[in-house]
Amino acid sequence: MNKISLVTMALLMSGFAQAEVTRLQHPTEFIVKFKDGISKEFKNTWMAKAQTKQISKNGTFVVSLPKVAKASEALKDVAALSNVEWAAPNYIYEGEAREAFTPNDPQFAKQRHHLIIKSPEAWDKTLGQAEVVVAVADDGFDLAHEDMTTSYYVNPNEIAGNGIDDDNNGYIDDTKGWDFNEADNDPSSDSSNGAHGTHVAGIIAAGFDDGVGVTGISPNVKVMPLKFYGERRWTSAMVYETYTYAADNGAKVLTVSYNIDGFANDEVFNRAVDYVDSKGVILFNSAGNGNAHQSARTKFGKILLVASTKTKVGSEDERSSFSNYGVDVDIAAPGDPIYSHGRTNRYVDMSGTSMASPNAAAVAGFIWSVFPEYTREQVVQKLLTSSDDIDSLNDRYKFKLGAGRINASNAVDEKVNFTTVRQAWFDKGVLNIQFRGLVSAITGRSAIRVERISQRGAEIIETEEQGALEVGQSVMRIKLTNAQAGTYRIHVSSEQLADPFGRAIDGDNDGVEGGNYVQTIEL
């Protein structure tokens, strides 16, 4: 019998309770990012004063102070230095951060998710043309699994086993990913970790048409295995180093199936997300398994959050009872249950938003393989607007499961659907407008016009100037300068809002570019 942690066993016995993750500030460590252009001599002189470890080639270091010193006190002084871009605490995260999952009967409805998202129809159209690297940050991987023999990304610029950092990226012999939890070049699973990461990797890139086991979604996607969770305490530094490594070493997509609610006000995590975003990487994260509405992670506008839907016969596309939801969830994908890899050449069913996120990430990778000329925003536009509307099956969660449930067949078509407006409403005096698809540019000050209707007629209400939405945002929030109770008419001018392909949005939702969206609502 495989060893399993007491925490994980408790999760398995209790179903889908969202485990609590707590954090504390590391007493003697903090993280510092030097400004670009700082001389190597200055860094070496400064670093000689304390024990340091570089965690990104962009000039970010973990600083370890003597035990008698306090990181919280040193932080203020370091942050004030003219050569420092930012300095922040290195938090320690404790508790079960993996989104809870439950192994089911392995003989039940194997890989039904492919039928639901129409993978076979997609494969009939194309198998893709370009290799795309999808990084997976998780608890370890069965690198020797029989169904992943050619599915892991191999660094072409590193010579295995020579003890040299051949590609000068700061990591010796990183031929097949890295273990950021134990700081070595082996992201393999161990006795108590790796079932989660192994299953996720199989969802994305299990061997295609190889006569073995199951299959992933995109034949040309390779998984970059990045272990950041395991025997050692989970810290902000580990997460930061993992994310920046993925962005700097060839990943086009990064998927993470972990509870990041506690990271909402962690500056280091936010810096990691910003860095990944600046490199044009698509970042996915599980929406969460707490059956929660608008959980803390929905504040991250640069992350695509993925809700879970059911795959069982008769309940396809219904929201999984454990899945988080809300207007800031970006998309839904099958996750309940998903048949994929277990460790030591086994195959198992698991359920959770942990399984939904890699399904969405794999389709994004598939799109990029078929259309390698696309930008990151164009891939996301295709993913969101090619999804299937499942609101009719989820009345209580209308507009709260993202743009729809992923559809691989639609995603690889030449056709690209337009961005549309889904709904508008007031919340605490703030106007909210939800879109299906991206708004990448606003070309006019009157793109959103708000009028207050009274017996005297229509009065135009001044609003704050709006900018384009982030890649993981579907809701535009607009503050009114003089919000009062009453009736308002909202005009969305399609010609002044552009999608990532430079087209006007479909304001009147008739399938054709152009047409304005108009709605009357009460405040």
Foldseek 3Di string as FASTA:
>chain_A
DFDADPQLVVLQVVDQAFKDKDKDFDFFKKKFAFDPPDDPVVVVVVCVVFPWDDLFPNRMIMTGHPPVDGPVVVQVVVQPDPGTPHMFTKMFMDIAFFRRKYWDPLVPPAALQCVVLVLVLQVVVHLFAAAAEEEEEFAFAQCPAPQCVPAFQFQPQADAPPQDPRVPRRAHRLGAAAELQVGHNHRHHDRHTHQLVHFLSFQQAGADPPPADDGHRHPRYHYRYYYQDYDHTHILSSLLSRLNCCLVRRHQEYEYETHCLVVLPGVSNVVSLVNSVVSQHAYEYEQHQQLAEPGNVLVDQRYAYEFEAESDPPGGQEGDNRTYWYLLHAAYEHFHWHWGDGHPNDITIMGDSSNGRSNLRSLLSNLCSRVVVDGSQQSLQLQQQLADASCVSVVVRVSIRHSHYGHSNSSNDPDGFFKEWDDWDDDPQKIKTFIRGWFQAFADQVQKWKWFQDPVGTDTWDKDGDGTGHSSGGMDIIHTPDRDWGKMKIKHFQVRTAGPVRFGGPYVPPRDTGDIPIDMDTD
